[in-house]
């Protein structure tokens, strides 16, 4: 079993390449925010409410993104309602429910916190 297979083995039988090509739309659920798919993770800041904002790369990409980790959200009673298990078995996060959006490191470097905060207020989390 190679490194990627061992990373994914407990979470389903999909191979890394086939799963990677399914991420990001096409009705497959919210964007993948699962730490298991990220590398080069660096904590950038912590928001006033304690939400941690990271830079990271997906295992299959060289592009650097700025966003959150689903596993962090699961540890907080209010944030965990924004987390779902996607059809592929991995965690996704509805960033809008948290008043946030994912961005790239270039935009983060230009705009800072404004690059990840939605202009409108977050959607109320239901019960």
N, C-alpha and C. Protein backbone atom coordinates (compact mmCIF):
# COMPACT_ATOMS: atom_id res chain seq x y z
N UNK A 1 0.85 -1.18 0.00
CA UNK A 1 0.00 0.00 0.00
C UNK A 1 0.90 1.24 0.00
N UNK A 2 0.67 2.16 -0.96
CA UNK A 2 1.50 3.35 -1.00
C UNK A 2 1.02 4.38 0.02
N UNK A 3 1.76 5.47 0.14
CA UNK A 3 1.46 6.48 1.16
C UNK A 3 0.05 7.04 1.01
N UNK A 4 -0.37 7.37 -0.20
CA UNK A 4 -1.70 7.94 -0.42
C UNK A 4 -2.78 6.92 -0.09
N UNK A 5 -2.57 5.67 -0.49
CA UNK A 5 -3.57 4.65 -0.19
C UNK A 5 -3.72 4.47 1.31
N UNK A 6 -2.59 4.48 2.03
CA UNK A 6 -2.69 4.31 3.48
C UNK A 6 -3.36 5.51 4.13
N UNK A 7 -3.17 6.70 3.59
CA UNK A 7 -3.83 7.90 4.11
C UNK A 7 -5.34 7.79 3.96
N UNK A 8 -5.78 7.23 2.85
CA UNK A 8 -7.20 7.20 2.54
C UNK A 8 -7.89 5.91 2.98
N UNK A 9 -7.14 4.88 3.25
CA UNK A 9 -7.72 3.56 3.50
C UNK A 9 -8.85 3.55 4.51
N UNK A 10 -8.74 4.24 5.65
CA UNK A 10 -9.83 4.15 6.62
C UNK A 10 -11.11 4.87 6.17
N UNK A 11 -11.06 5.61 5.09
CA UNK A 11 -12.17 6.49 4.74
C UNK A 11 -12.89 6.12 3.46
N UNK A 12 -12.62 4.99 2.91
CA UNK A 12 -13.34 4.60 1.71
C UNK A 12 -12.42 3.94 0.72
N UNK A 13 -13.01 3.42 -0.33
CA UNK A 13 -12.24 2.65 -1.29
C UNK A 13 -11.88 3.44 -2.53
N UNK A 14 -12.26 4.72 -2.60
CA UNK A 14 -11.91 5.50 -3.77
C UNK A 14 -10.41 5.73 -3.82
N UNK A 15 -9.82 5.62 -4.98
CA UNK A 15 -8.40 5.91 -5.14
C UNK A 15 -8.16 7.39 -5.09
N UNK A 16 -6.95 7.78 -4.79
CA UNK A 16 -6.62 9.20 -4.62
C UNK A 16 -6.88 9.99 -5.90
N UNK A 17 -6.41 9.49 -7.03
CA UNK A 17 -6.56 10.25 -8.27
C UNK A 17 -8.03 10.40 -8.64
N UNK A 18 -8.80 9.34 -8.56
CA UNK A 18 -10.21 9.45 -8.95
C UNK A 18 -10.97 10.38 -8.01
N UNK A 19 -10.64 10.37 -6.73
CA UNK A 19 -11.31 11.26 -5.79
C UNK A 19 -10.90 12.69 -6.05
N UNK A 20 -9.62 12.91 -6.30
CA UNK A 20 -9.13 14.27 -6.52
C UNK A 20 -9.82 14.91 -7.71
N UNK A 21 -10.12 14.16 -8.74
CA UNK A 21 -10.76 14.72 -9.91
C UNK A 21 -12.22 15.06 -9.65
N UNK A 22 -12.81 14.52 -8.59
CA UNK A 22 -14.21 14.77 -8.28
C UNK A 22 -14.40 15.98 -7.37
N UNK A 23 -13.35 16.47 -6.78
CA UNK A 23 -13.45 17.56 -5.82
C UNK A 23 -13.71 18.87 -6.53
N UNK A 24 -14.63 19.65 -5.97
CA UNK A 24 -14.81 21.00 -6.47
C UNK A 24 -16.00 21.21 -7.36
N UNK A 25 -17.15 20.79 -6.95
CA UNK A 25 -18.35 21.14 -7.70
C UNK A 25 -19.05 19.95 -8.29
N UNK A 26 -19.77 20.22 -9.38
CA UNK A 26 -20.52 19.22 -10.11
C UNK A 26 -21.50 18.47 -9.21
N UNK A 27 -22.07 19.16 -8.21
CA UNK A 27 -23.07 18.54 -7.37
C UNK A 27 -22.54 17.50 -6.41
N UNK A 28 -21.26 17.50 -6.14
CA UNK A 28 -20.66 16.49 -5.27
C UNK A 28 -20.65 16.92 -3.82
N UNK A 29 -21.23 18.05 -3.48
CA UNK A 29 -21.24 18.51 -2.10
C UNK A 29 -20.38 19.75 -1.94
N UNK A 30 -20.32 20.28 -0.72
CA UNK A 30 -19.52 21.47 -0.47
C UNK A 30 -18.05 21.21 -0.75
N UNK A 31 -17.29 22.28 -0.94
CA UNK A 31 -15.86 22.11 -1.19
C UNK A 31 -15.21 21.30 -0.08
N UNK A 32 -14.29 20.45 -0.48
CA UNK A 32 -13.61 19.61 0.50
C UNK A 32 -12.76 20.47 1.42
N UNK A 33 -12.94 20.30 2.70
CA UNK A 33 -12.19 21.07 3.71
C UNK A 33 -11.52 20.14 4.70
N UNK A 34 -11.40 18.89 4.32
CA UNK A 34 -10.86 17.85 5.16
C UNK A 34 -9.33 17.94 5.21
N UNK A 35 -8.78 17.97 6.40
CA UNK A 35 -7.34 18.09 6.58
C UNK A 35 -6.58 16.94 5.92
N UNK A 36 -7.24 15.81 5.73
CA UNK A 36 -6.59 14.65 5.13
C UNK A 36 -6.19 14.88 3.69
N UNK A 37 -6.71 15.93 3.05
CA UNK A 37 -6.38 16.22 1.66
C UNK A 37 -5.45 17.41 1.52
N UNK A 38 -4.91 17.88 2.63
CA UNK A 38 -4.11 19.10 2.59
C UNK A 38 -2.68 18.84 3.05
N UNK A 39 -1.76 19.64 2.53
CA UNK A 39 -0.36 19.56 2.91
C UNK A 39 0.18 20.98 3.05
N UNK A 40 1.39 21.10 3.54
CA UNK A 40 2.05 22.41 3.72
C UNK A 40 1.14 23.37 4.49
N UNK A 41 0.51 22.87 5.52
CA UNK A 41 -0.46 23.65 6.30
C UNK A 41 0.27 24.61 7.23
N UNK A 42 -0.10 25.89 7.14
CA UNK A 42 0.49 26.92 8.00
C UNK A 42 -0.63 27.75 8.62
N UNK A 43 -0.60 27.91 9.93
CA UNK A 43 -1.57 28.78 10.60
C UNK A 43 -1.22 30.22 10.27
N UNK A 44 -2.18 30.97 9.71
CA UNK A 44 -1.96 32.37 9.36
C UNK A 44 -2.42 33.30 10.47
N UNK A 45 -3.61 33.02 11.00
CA UNK A 45 -4.18 33.88 12.04
C UNK A 45 -5.32 33.15 12.73
N UNK A 46 -5.76 33.74 13.82
CA UNK A 46 -6.95 33.25 14.50
C UNK A 46 -7.92 34.42 14.60
N UNK A 47 -9.16 34.21 14.19
CA UNK A 47 -10.17 35.26 14.26
C UNK A 47 -10.57 35.50 15.71
N UNK A 48 -11.27 36.59 15.96
CA UNK A 48 -11.70 36.94 17.32
C UNK A 48 -12.52 35.84 17.97
N UNK A 49 -13.28 35.10 17.17
CA UNK A 49 -14.12 34.02 17.71
C UNK A 49 -13.36 32.71 17.91
N UNK A 50 -12.07 32.71 17.56
CA UNK A 50 -11.24 31.52 17.73
C UNK A 50 -11.05 30.69 16.47
N UNK A 51 -11.74 31.02 15.39
CA UNK A 51 -11.60 30.29 14.13
C UNK A 51 -10.18 30.46 13.60
N UNK A 52 -9.54 29.33 13.29
CA UNK A 52 -8.18 29.36 12.76
C UNK A 52 -8.21 29.42 11.24
N UNK A 53 -7.38 30.29 10.69
CA UNK A 53 -7.27 30.47 9.25
C UNK A 53 -5.88 29.99 8.83
N UNK A 54 -5.86 29.11 7.84
CA UNK A 54 -4.62 28.47 7.40
C UNK A 54 -4.34 28.73 5.92
N UNK A 55 -3.07 28.62 5.57
CA UNK A 55 -2.70 28.45 4.16
C UNK A 55 -2.40 26.97 3.98
N UNK A 56 -2.64 26.45 2.79
CA UNK A 56 -2.43 25.03 2.52
C UNK A 56 -2.44 24.77 1.03
N UNK A 57 -1.98 23.60 0.67
CA UNK A 57 -2.08 23.07 -0.69
C UNK A 57 -2.84 21.75 -0.60
N UNK A 58 -3.61 21.47 -1.63
CA UNK A 58 -4.19 20.13 -1.74
C UNK A 58 -3.09 19.20 -2.25
N UNK A 59 -3.17 17.94 -1.91
CA UNK A 59 -2.13 16.99 -2.30
C UNK A 59 -1.90 16.96 -3.80
N UNK A 60 -2.90 17.27 -4.58
CA UNK A 60 -2.81 17.15 -6.03
C UNK A 60 -2.54 18.50 -6.72
N UNK A 61 -2.25 19.55 -5.94
CA UNK A 61 -2.11 20.88 -6.53
C UNK A 61 -0.93 21.64 -5.93
N UNK A 62 -0.35 22.52 -6.72
CA UNK A 62 0.71 23.40 -6.22
C UNK A 62 0.16 24.76 -5.80
N UNK A 63 -1.10 25.03 -6.12
CA UNK A 63 -1.70 26.31 -5.75
C UNK A 63 -1.92 26.39 -4.24
N UNK A 64 -1.60 27.55 -3.66
CA UNK A 64 -1.76 27.75 -2.22
C UNK A 64 -3.09 28.45 -1.96
N UNK A 65 -3.90 27.85 -1.10
CA UNK A 65 -5.19 28.40 -0.73
C UNK A 65 -5.16 28.88 0.72
N UNK A 66 -6.15 29.69 1.06
CA UNK A 66 -6.34 30.14 2.45
C UNK A 66 -7.76 29.77 2.82
N UNK A 67 -7.89 29.09 3.95
CA UNK A 67 -9.21 28.65 4.40
C UNK A 67 -9.14 28.01 5.76
N UNK A 68 -10.10 27.14 6.02
CA UNK A 68 -10.25 26.52 7.34
C UNK A 68 -10.16 25.00 7.21
N UNK A 69 -10.12 24.35 8.34
CA UNK A 69 -10.10 22.89 8.40
C UNK A 69 -11.42 22.40 8.98
N UNK A 70 -12.02 21.46 8.31
CA UNK A 70 -13.29 20.90 8.79
C UNK A 70 -13.14 20.34 10.20
N UNK A 71 -12.03 19.70 10.47
CA UNK A 71 -11.84 19.09 11.78
C UNK A 71 -11.83 20.14 12.89
N UNK A 72 -11.32 21.35 12.62
CA UNK A 72 -11.40 22.43 13.61
C UNK A 72 -12.86 22.79 13.88
N UNK A 73 -13.64 22.86 12.81
CA UNK A 73 -15.05 23.23 12.95
C UNK A 73 -15.83 22.20 13.77
N UNK A 74 -15.48 20.95 13.62
CA UNK A 74 -16.18 19.89 14.34
C UNK A 74 -16.00 19.99 15.85
N UNK A 75 -14.96 20.68 16.29
CA UNK A 75 -14.69 20.82 17.72
C UNK A 75 -15.45 21.97 18.37
N UNK A 76 -16.16 22.76 17.58
CA UNK A 76 -16.87 23.93 18.10
C UNK A 76 -18.37 23.75 17.87
N UNK A 77 -19.18 23.87 18.93
CA UNK A 77 -20.62 23.59 18.81
C UNK A 77 -21.34 24.40 17.73
N UNK A 78 -20.99 25.66 17.56
CA UNK A 78 -21.68 26.50 16.57
C UNK A 78 -21.17 26.23 15.15
N UNK A 79 -19.91 25.96 14.99
CA UNK A 79 -19.33 25.79 13.66
C UNK A 79 -19.59 24.43 13.07
N UNK A 80 -19.77 23.41 13.91
CA UNK A 80 -19.89 22.05 13.37
C UNK A 80 -21.14 21.88 12.51
N UNK A 81 -22.10 22.76 12.67
CA UNK A 81 -23.31 22.67 11.85
C UNK A 81 -23.05 23.05 10.39
N UNK A 82 -21.90 23.68 10.12
CA UNK A 82 -21.52 24.02 8.75
C UNK A 82 -20.78 22.88 8.06
N UNK A 83 -20.46 21.82 8.81
CA UNK A 83 -19.70 20.69 8.28
C UNK A 83 -20.65 19.59 7.85
N UNK A 84 -20.33 18.97 6.73
CA UNK A 84 -21.10 17.81 6.28
C UNK A 84 -20.13 16.72 5.85
N UNK A 85 -20.65 15.53 5.75
CA UNK A 85 -19.88 14.45 5.14
C UNK A 85 -20.34 14.39 3.69
N UNK A 86 -19.40 14.61 2.81
CA UNK A 86 -19.70 14.62 1.38
C UNK A 86 -20.02 13.21 0.89
N UNK A 87 -20.61 13.09 -0.30
CA UNK A 87 -20.90 11.76 -0.85
C UNK A 87 -19.66 10.87 -0.96
N UNK A 88 -18.48 11.48 -1.08
CA UNK A 88 -17.25 10.69 -1.18
C UNK A 88 -16.70 10.28 0.19
N UNK A 89 -17.39 10.68 1.28
CA UNK A 89 -16.99 10.25 2.61
C UNK A 89 -16.07 11.21 3.35
N UNK A 90 -15.69 12.30 2.72
CA UNK A 90 -14.79 13.27 3.34
C UNK A 90 -15.57 14.50 3.79
N UNK A 91 -14.97 15.28 4.69
CA UNK A 91 -15.64 16.44 5.23
C UNK A 91 -15.62 17.61 4.26
N UNK A 92 -16.75 18.27 4.16
CA UNK A 92 -16.87 19.53 3.44
C UNK A 92 -17.39 20.57 4.41
N UNK A 93 -17.14 21.83 4.10
CA UNK A 93 -17.63 22.92 4.93
C UNK A 93 -18.34 23.93 4.05
N UNK A 94 -19.52 24.32 4.47
CA UNK A 94 -20.25 25.41 3.81
C UNK A 94 -19.71 26.71 4.40
N UNK A 95 -18.72 27.27 3.75
CA UNK A 95 -18.06 28.48 4.25
C UNK A 95 -19.06 29.61 4.49
N UNK A 96 -20.07 29.73 3.65
CA UNK A 96 -21.04 30.83 3.78
C UNK A 96 -21.76 30.78 5.12
N UNK A 97 -22.00 29.59 5.65
CA UNK A 97 -22.66 29.48 6.94
C UNK A 97 -21.81 30.04 8.07
N UNK A 98 -20.52 30.18 7.81
CA UNK A 98 -19.60 30.73 8.80
C UNK A 98 -19.24 32.19 8.50
N UNK A 99 -19.83 32.72 7.42
CA UNK A 99 -19.52 34.10 7.02
C UNK A 99 -18.15 34.22 6.38
N UNK A 100 -17.66 33.12 5.82
CA UNK A 100 -16.32 33.08 5.24
C UNK A 100 -16.34 32.58 3.80
N UNK A 101 -15.21 32.70 3.15
CA UNK A 101 -15.00 32.09 1.84
C UNK A 101 -13.54 31.69 1.73
N UNK A 102 -13.28 30.67 0.94
CA UNK A 102 -11.91 30.24 0.67
C UNK A 102 -11.32 31.18 -0.37
N UNK A 103 -10.01 31.42 -0.28
CA UNK A 103 -9.34 32.29 -1.24
C UNK A 103 -7.97 31.72 -1.56
N UNK A 104 -7.20 32.46 -2.33
CA UNK A 104 -5.83 32.06 -2.64
C UNK A 104 -4.87 32.90 -1.80
N UNK A 105 -3.65 32.43 -1.70
CA UNK A 105 -2.66 33.16 -0.91
C UNK A 105 -2.36 34.52 -1.54
N UNK A 106 -2.43 34.61 -2.86
CA UNK A 106 -2.17 35.91 -3.51
C UNK A 106 -3.21 36.94 -3.08
N UNK A 107 -4.47 36.55 -3.08
CA UNK A 107 -5.52 37.49 -2.67
C UNK A 107 -5.41 37.79 -1.18
N UNK A 108 -5.10 36.78 -0.37
CA UNK A 108 -4.88 36.99 1.06
C UNK A 108 -3.77 38.02 1.29
N UNK A 109 -2.68 37.88 0.55
CA UNK A 109 -1.55 38.81 0.71
C UNK A 109 -1.91 40.24 0.32
N UNK A 110 -2.84 40.39 -0.61
CA UNK A 110 -3.29 41.72 -1.04
C UNK A 110 -4.30 42.33 -0.07
N UNK A 111 -5.25 41.51 0.40
CA UNK A 111 -6.41 42.03 1.14
C UNK A 111 -6.50 41.59 2.60
N UNK A 112 -5.71 40.64 3.01
CA UNK A 112 -5.76 40.16 4.39
C UNK A 112 -7.11 39.55 4.74
N UNK A 113 -7.59 39.84 5.95
CA UNK A 113 -8.84 39.26 6.43
C UNK A 113 -10.03 39.55 5.54
N UNK A 114 -10.02 40.70 4.88
CA UNK A 114 -11.14 41.04 3.99
C UNK A 114 -11.30 40.02 2.86
N UNK A 115 -10.23 39.32 2.54
CA UNK A 115 -10.29 38.36 1.43
C UNK A 115 -11.08 37.10 1.79
N UNK A 116 -11.25 36.82 3.07
CA UNK A 116 -11.97 35.60 3.47
C UNK A 116 -13.32 35.86 4.09
N UNK A 117 -13.59 37.09 4.47
CA UNK A 117 -14.87 37.41 5.10
C UNK A 117 -15.90 37.78 4.05
N UNK A 118 -17.08 37.19 4.16
CA UNK A 118 -18.17 37.56 3.26
C UNK A 118 -18.66 38.95 3.63
N UNK A 119 -19.12 39.68 2.64
CA UNK A 119 -19.63 41.03 2.88
C UNK A 119 -20.92 40.97 3.68
N UNK A 120 -21.78 40.04 3.33
CA UNK A 120 -23.06 39.92 4.06
C UNK A 120 -22.83 39.10 5.32
N UNK A 121 -23.81 39.16 6.20
CA UNK A 121 -23.70 38.41 7.45
C UNK A 121 -23.89 36.93 7.19
N UNK A 122 -23.35 36.07 8.06
CA UNK A 122 -23.47 34.62 7.85
C UNK A 122 -24.93 34.16 7.90
N UNK A 123 -25.18 33.09 7.20
CA UNK A 123 -26.50 32.46 7.20
C UNK A 123 -26.70 31.85 8.59
N UNK A 124 -27.89 32.04 9.13
CA UNK A 124 -28.18 31.47 10.47
C UNK A 124 -28.11 29.96 10.41
N UNK A 125 -27.45 29.38 11.37
CA UNK A 125 -27.34 27.93 11.44
C UNK A 125 -28.59 27.37 12.10
N UNK A 126 -29.18 26.40 11.43
CA UNK A 126 -30.40 25.80 11.97
C UNK A 126 -30.07 24.70 12.96
N UNK A 127 -30.94 24.55 13.92
CA UNK A 127 -30.94 23.64 14.97
C UNK A 127 -30.24 22.42 15.05
